[in-house]
Amino acid sequence: RLLELRAAHAAARDAVHTPLDVDALT
């Protein structure tokens, strides 16, 4: 359960910091 929480926290940080691929989205 602790490893799951750490993975979820890392995924949340990645979601904030990973830049949007504007070209692909456009």
PDB file of all heavy atoms in Angstrom:
ATOM      1  N   ARG A   1       0.830  -1.207   0.000  1.00  0.00           N
ATOM      2  CA  ARG A   1       0.000   0.000   0.000  1.00  0.00           C
ATOM      3  C   ARG A   1       0.866   1.259   0.000  1.00  0.00           C
ATOM      4  O   ARG A   1       0.534   2.255  -0.643  1.00  0.00           O
ATOM      5  CB  ARG A   1      -0.910   0.010   1.238  1.00  0.00           C
ATOM      6  CG  ARG A   1      -1.836  -1.187   1.375  1.00  0.00           C
ATOM      7  CD  ARG A   1      -2.954  -1.188   0.336  1.00  0.00           C
ATOM      8  NE  ARG A   1      -2.540  -1.750  -0.932  1.00  0.00           N
ATOM      9  CZ  ARG A   1      -2.446  -3.041  -1.188  1.00  0.00           C
ATOM     10  NH1 ARG A   1      -2.731  -3.918  -0.253  1.00  0.00           N
ATOM     11  NH2 ARG A   1      -2.089  -3.462  -2.381  1.00  0.00           N
ATOM     12  N   LEU A   2       1.980   1.232   0.718  1.00  0.00           N
ATOM     13  CA  LEU A   2       2.879   2.381   0.755  1.00  0.00           C
ATOM     14  C   LEU A   2       3.467   2.644  -0.629  1.00  0.00           C
ATOM     15  O   LEU A   2       3.548   3.793  -1.079  1.00  0.00           O
ATOM     16  CB  LEU A   2       3.993   2.135   1.771  1.00  0.00           C
ATOM     17  CG  LEU A   2       5.023   3.261   1.917  1.00  0.00           C
ATOM     18  CD1 LEU A   2       4.345   4.547   2.359  1.00  0.00           C
ATOM     19  CD2 LEU A   2       6.113   2.845   2.908  1.00  0.00           C
ATOM     20  N   LEU A   3       3.858   1.590  -1.328  1.00  0.00           N
ATOM     21  CA  LEU A   3       4.405   1.750  -2.676  1.00  0.00           C
ATOM     22  C   LEU A   3       3.348   2.287  -3.638  1.00  0.00           C
ATOM     23  O   LEU A   3       3.653   3.092  -4.520  1.00  0.00           O
ATOM     24  CB  LEU A   3       4.964   0.418  -3.177  1.00  0.00           C
ATOM     25  CG  LEU A   3       6.208  -0.107  -2.433  1.00  0.00           C
ATOM     26  CD1 LEU A   3       6.592  -1.491  -2.961  1.00  0.00           C
ATOM     27  CD2 LEU A   3       7.368   0.868  -2.576  1.00  0.00           C
ATOM     28  N   GLU A   4       2.100   1.841  -3.457  1.00  0.00           N
ATOM     29  CA  GLU A   4       1.019   2.369  -4.303  1.00  0.00           C
ATOM     30  C   GLU A   4       0.837   3.869  -4.088  1.00  0.00           C
ATOM     31  O   GLU A   4       0.631   4.632  -5.041  1.00  0.00           O
ATOM     32  CB  GLU A   4      -0.285   1.628  -4.000  1.00  0.00           C
ATOM     33  CG  GLU A   4      -0.317   0.198  -4.492  1.00  0.00           C
ATOM     34  CD  GLU A   4      -1.539  -0.560  -3.995  1.00  0.00           C
ATOM     35  OE1 GLU A   4      -2.334   0.053  -3.231  1.00  0.00           O
ATOM     36  OE2 GLU A   4      -1.690  -1.742  -4.336  1.00  0.00           O
ATOM     37  N   LEU A   5       0.894   4.312  -2.818  1.00  0.00           N
ATOM     38  CA  LEU A   5       0.748   5.730  -2.515  1.00  0.00           C
ATOM     39  C   LEU A   5       1.889   6.541  -3.125  1.00  0.00           C
ATOM     40  O   LEU A   5       1.669   7.624  -3.684  1.00  0.00           O
ATOM     41  CB  LEU A   5       0.704   5.944  -1.006  1.00  0.00           C
ATOM     42  CG  LEU A   5      -0.603   5.556  -0.304  1.00  0.00           C
ATOM     43  CD1 LEU A   5      -0.419   5.582   1.205  1.00  0.00           C
ATOM     44  CD2 LEU A   5      -1.719   6.507  -0.706  1.00  0.00           C
ATOM     45  N   ARG A   6       3.104   6.020  -3.022  1.00  0.00           N
ATOM     46  CA  ARG A   6       4.235   6.745  -3.592  1.00  0.00           C
ATOM     47  C   ARG A   6       4.134   6.817  -5.115  1.00  0.00           C
ATOM     48  O   ARG A   6       4.462   7.840  -5.717  1.00  0.00           O
ATOM     49  CB  ARG A   6       5.537   6.065  -3.173  1.00  0.00           C
ATOM     50  CG  ARG A   6       5.867   6.266  -1.688  1.00  0.00           C
ATOM     51  CD  ARG A   6       7.161   5.581  -1.300  1.00  0.00           C
ATOM     52  NE  ARG A   6       7.523   5.875   0.084  1.00  0.00           N
ATOM     53  CZ  ARG A   6       8.563   5.338   0.712  1.00  0.00           C
ATOM     54  NH1 ARG A   6       9.341   4.463   0.063  1.00  0.00           N
ATOM     55  NH2 ARG A   6       8.824   5.659   1.964  1.00  0.00           N
ATOM     56  N   ALA A   7       3.656   5.765  -5.730  1.00  0.00           N
ATOM     57  CA  ALA A   7       3.478   5.775  -7.184  1.00  0.00           C
ATOM     58  C   ALA A   7       2.399   6.770  -7.597  1.00  0.00           C
ATOM     59  O   ALA A   7       2.546   7.484  -8.593  1.00  0.00           O
ATOM     60  CB  ALA A   7       3.127   4.371  -7.681  1.00  0.00           C
ATOM     61  N   ALA A   8       1.314   6.826  -6.825  1.00  0.00           N
ATOM     62  CA  ALA A   8       0.237   7.765  -7.128  1.00  0.00           C
ATOM     63  C   ALA A   8       0.716   9.204  -6.975  1.00  0.00           C
ATOM     64  O   ALA A   8       0.373  10.080  -7.781  1.00  0.00           O
ATOM     65  CB  ALA A   8      -0.960   7.504  -6.217  1.00  0.00           C
ATOM     66  N   HIS A   9       1.523   9.458  -5.937  1.00  0.00           N
ATOM     67  CA  HIS A   9       2.053  10.804  -5.741  1.00  0.00           C
ATOM     68  C   HIS A   9       2.987  11.194  -6.879  1.00  0.00           C
ATOM     69  O   HIS A   9       2.940  12.334  -7.378  1.00  0.00           O
ATOM     70  CB  HIS A   9       2.796  10.873  -4.408  1.00  0.00           C
ATOM     71  CG  HIS A   9       3.291  12.236  -4.058  1.00  0.00           C
ATOM     72  ND1 HIS A   9       4.619  12.579  -4.094  1.00  0.00           N
ATOM     73  CD2 HIS A   9       2.631  13.357  -3.685  1.00  0.00           C
ATOM     74  CE1 HIS A   9       4.765  13.848  -3.754  1.00  0.00           C
ATOM     75  NE2 HIS A   9       3.572  14.345  -3.497  1.00  0.00           N
ATOM     76  N   ALA A  10       3.798  10.259  -7.327  1.00  0.00           N
ATOM     77  CA  ALA A  10       4.700  10.541  -8.447  1.00  0.00           C
ATOM     78  C   ALA A  10       3.914  10.817  -9.722  1.00  0.00           C
ATOM     79  O   ALA A  10       4.268  11.712 -10.499  1.00  0.00           O
ATOM     80  CB  ALA A  10       5.651   9.359  -8.657  1.00  0.00           C
ATOM     81  N   ALA A  11       2.833  10.061  -9.938  1.00  0.00           N
ATOM     82  CA  ALA A  11       2.007  10.276 -11.128  1.00  0.00           C
ATOM     83  C   ALA A  11       1.359  11.658 -11.094  1.00  0.00           C
ATOM     84  O   ALA A  11       1.255  12.341 -12.126  1.00  0.00           O
ATOM     85  CB  ALA A  11       0.936   9.195 -11.229  1.00  0.00           C
ATOM     86  N   ALA A  12       0.923  12.097  -9.899  1.00  0.00           N
ATOM     87  CA  ALA A  12       0.321  13.425  -9.770  1.00  0.00           C
ATOM     88  C   ALA A  12       1.343  14.516 -10.062  1.00  0.00           C
ATOM     89  O   ALA A  12       1.045  15.501 -10.749  1.00  0.00           O
ATOM     90  CB  ALA A  12      -0.264  13.604  -8.369  1.00  0.00           C
ATOM     91  N   ARG A  13       2.553  14.362  -9.567  1.00  0.00           N
ATOM     92  CA  ARG A  13       3.606  15.350  -9.847  1.00  0.00           C
ATOM     93  C   ARG A  13       3.929  15.380 -11.340  1.00  0.00           C
ATOM     94  O   ARG A  13       4.109  16.459 -11.924  1.00  0.00           O
ATOM     95  CB  ARG A  13       4.859  15.028  -9.032  1.00  0.00           C
ATOM     96  CG  ARG A  13       4.706  15.287  -7.543  1.00  0.00           C
ATOM     97  CD  ARG A  13       5.969  14.890  -6.798  1.00  0.00           C
ATOM     98  NE  ARG A  13       7.126  15.633  -7.273  1.00  0.00           N
ATOM     99  CZ  ARG A  13       7.504  16.824  -6.818  1.00  0.00           C
ATOM    100  NH1 ARG A  13       6.804  17.407  -5.846  1.00  0.00           N
ATOM    101  NH2 ARG A  13       8.569  17.426  -7.280  1.00  0.00           N
ATOM    102  N   ASP A  14       4.015  14.211 -11.952  1.00  0.00           N
ATOM    103  CA  ASP A  14       4.289  14.154 -13.388  1.00  0.00           C
ATOM    104  C   ASP A  14       3.196  14.858 -14.177  1.00  0.00           C
ATOM    105  O   ASP A  14       3.464  15.542 -15.172  1.00  0.00           O
ATOM    106  CB  ASP A  14       4.407  12.706 -13.852  1.00  0.00           C
ATOM    107  CG  ASP A  14       5.719  12.056 -13.450  1.00  0.00           C
ATOM    108  OD1 ASP A  14       6.633  12.799 -13.020  1.00  0.00           O
ATOM    109  OD2 ASP A  14       5.840  10.825 -13.549  1.00  0.00           O
ATOM    110  N   ALA A  15       1.938  14.687 -13.761  1.00  0.00           N
ATOM    111  CA  ALA A  15       0.819  15.314 -14.474  1.00  0.00           C
ATOM    112  C   ALA A  15       0.925  16.829 -14.436  1.00  0.00           C
ATOM    113  O   ALA A  15       0.560  17.514 -15.398  1.00  0.00           O
ATOM    114  CB  ALA A  15      -0.506  14.858 -13.866  1.00  0.00           C
ATOM    115  N   VAL A  16       1.437  17.366 -13.332  1.00  0.00           N
ATOM    116  CA  VAL A  16       1.593  18.815 -13.204  1.00  0.00           C
ATOM    117  C   VAL A  16       2.750  19.338 -14.054  1.00  0.00           C
ATOM    118  O   VAL A  16       2.641  20.368 -14.720  1.00  0.00           O
ATOM    119  CB  VAL A  16       1.815  19.208 -11.725  1.00  0.00           C
ATOM    120  CG1 VAL A  16       2.190  20.687 -11.612  1.00  0.00           C
ATOM    121  CG2 VAL A  16       0.566  18.919 -10.909  1.00  0.00           C
ATOM    122  N   HIS A  17       3.850  18.616 -14.047  1.00  0.00           N
ATOM    123  CA  HIS A  17       5.089  19.145 -14.617  1.00  0.00           C
ATOM    124  C   HIS A  17       5.341  18.742 -16.075  1.00  0.00           C
ATOM    125  O   HIS A  17       6.141  19.399 -16.747  1.00  0.00           O
ATOM    126  CB  HIS A  17       6.273  18.707 -13.759  1.00  0.00           C
ATOM    127  CG  HIS A  17       6.325  19.371 -12.418  1.00  0.00           C
ATOM    128  ND1 HIS A  17       6.749  20.673 -12.233  1.00  0.00           N
ATOM    129  CD2 HIS A  17       5.959  18.922 -11.189  1.00  0.00           C
ATOM    130  CE1 HIS A  17       6.677  20.993 -10.959  1.00  0.00           C
ATOM    131  NE2 HIS A  17       6.196  19.954 -10.297  1.00  0.00           N
ATOM    132  N   THR A  18       4.709  17.685 -16.564  1.00  0.00           N
ATOM    133  CA  THR A  18       4.937  17.283 -17.954  1.00  0.00           C
ATOM    134  C   THR A  18       4.300  18.305 -18.884  1.00  0.00           C
ATOM    135  O   THR A  18       3.094  18.545 -18.818  1.00  0.00           O
ATOM    136  CB  THR A  18       4.339  15.893 -18.224  1.00  0.00           C
ATOM    137  OG1 THR A  18       4.944  14.941 -17.338  1.00  0.00           O
ATOM    138  CG2 THR A  18       4.596  15.474 -19.672  1.00  0.00           C
ATOM    139  N   PRO A  19       5.076  18.926 -19.774  1.00  0.00           N
ATOM    140  CA  PRO A  19       4.511  19.981 -20.629  1.00  0.00           C
ATOM    141  C   PRO A  19       3.530  19.433 -21.649  1.00  0.00           C
ATOM    142  O   PRO A  19       3.609  18.274 -22.068  1.00  0.00           O
ATOM    143  CB  PRO A  19       5.744  20.587 -21.306  1.00  0.00           C
ATOM    144  CG  PRO A  19       6.771  19.501 -21.266  1.00  0.00           C
ATOM    145  CD  PRO A  19       6.519  18.733 -20.004  1.00  0.00           C
ATOM    146  N   LEU A  20       2.592  20.269 -22.031  1.00  0.00           N
ATOM    147  CA  LEU A  20       1.613  19.915 -23.049  1.00  0.00           C
ATOM    148  C   LEU A  20       2.280  19.905 -24.418  1.00  0.00           C
ATOM    149  O   LEU A  20       3.011  20.834 -24.775  1.00  0.00           O
ATOM    150  CB  LEU A  20       0.472  20.938 -23.037  1.00  0.00           C
ATOM    151  CG  LEU A  20      -0.668  20.718 -24.029  1.00  0.00           C
ATOM    152  CD1 LEU A  20      -1.439  19.456 -23.703  1.00  0.00           C
ATOM    153  CD2 LEU A  20      -1.604  21.931 -24.015  1.00  0.00           C
ATOM    154  N   ASP A  21       2.038  18.854 -25.195  1.00  0.00           N
ATOM    155  CA  ASP A  21       2.514  18.795 -26.579  1.00  0.00           C
ATOM    156  C   ASP A  21       1.524  19.577 -27.432  1.00  0.00           C
ATOM    157  O   ASP A  21       0.531  19.036 -27.922  1.00  0.00           O
ATOM    158  CB  ASP A  21       2.610  17.336 -27.048  1.00  0.00           C
ATOM    159  CG  ASP A  21       3.263  17.195 -28.414  1.00  0.00           C
ATOM    160  OD1 ASP A  21       3.241  18.178 -29.194  1.00  0.00           O
ATOM    161  OD2 ASP A  21       3.777  16.099 -28.725  1.00  0.00           O
ATOM    162  N   VAL A  22       1.785  20.863 -27.589  1.00  0.00           N
ATOM    163  CA  VAL A  22       0.847  21.761 -28.249  1.00  0.00           C
ATOM    164  C   VAL A  22       0.672  21.394 -29.717  1.00  0.00           C
ATOM    165  O   VAL A  22      -0.444  21.434 -30.250  1.00  0.00           O
ATOM    166  CB  VAL A  22       1.306  23.222 -28.099  1.00  0.00           C
ATOM    167  CG1 VAL A  22       0.369  24.164 -28.850  1.00  0.00           C
ATOM    168  CG2 VAL A  22       1.349  23.603 -26.627  1.00  0.00           C
ATOM    169  N   ASP A  23       1.751  21.034 -30.385  1.00  0.00           N
ATOM    170  CA  ASP A  23       1.654  20.680 -31.804  1.00  0.00           C
ATOM    171  C   ASP A  23       0.728  19.484 -32.014  1.00  0.00           C
ATOM    172  O   ASP A  23      -0.155  19.504 -32.881  1.00  0.00           O
ATOM    173  CB  ASP A  23       3.033  20.364 -32.383  1.00  0.00           C
ATOM    174  CG  ASP A  23       3.910  21.596 -32.502  1.00  0.00           C
ATOM    175  OD1 ASP A  23       3.357  22.716 -32.559  1.00  0.00           O
ATOM    176  OD2 ASP A  23       5.146  21.444 -32.538  1.00  0.00           O
ATOM    177  N   ALA A  24       0.930  18.441 -31.213  1.00  0.00           N
ATOM    178  CA  ALA A  24       0.108  17.234 -31.362  1.00  0.00           C
ATOM    179  C   ALA A  24      -1.349  17.526 -31.035  1.00  0.00           C
ATOM    180  O   ALA A  24      -2.263  17.071 -31.733  1.00  0.00           O
ATOM    181  CB  ALA A  24       0.644  16.123 -30.464  1.00  0.00           C
ATOM    182  N   LEU A  25      -1.583  18.297 -29.969  1.00  0.00           N
ATOM    183  CA  LEU A  25      -2.960  18.610 -29.582  1.00  0.00           C
ATOM    184  C   LEU A  25      -3.631  19.485 -30.641  1.00  0.00           C
ATOM    185  O   LEU A  25      -4.796  19.249 -30.994  1.00  0.00           O
ATOM    186  CB  LEU A  25      -2.976  19.320 -28.230  1.00  0.00           C
ATOM    187  CG  LEU A  25      -4.364  19.722 -27.714  1.00  0.00           C
ATOM    188  CD1 LEU A  25      -5.255  18.502 -27.527  1.00  0.00           C
ATOM    189  CD2 LEU A  25      -4.250  20.522 -26.419  1.00  0.00           C
ATOM    190  N   THR A  26      -2.924  20.464 -31.160  1.00  0.00           N
ATOM    191  CA  THR A  26      -3.494  21.340 -32.183  1.00  0.00           C
ATOM    192  C   THR A  26      -3.876  20.546 -33.421  1.00  0.00           C
ATOM    193  O   THR A  26      -4.929  20.787 -34.033  1.00  0.00           O
ATOM    194  CB  THR A  26      -2.498  22.454 -32.544  1.00  0.00           C
ATOM    195  OG1 THR A  26      -2.199  23.222 -31.373  1.00  0.00           O
ATOM    196  CG2 THR A  26      -3.080  23.382 -33.598  1.00  0.00           C
TER     197      THR A  26
END
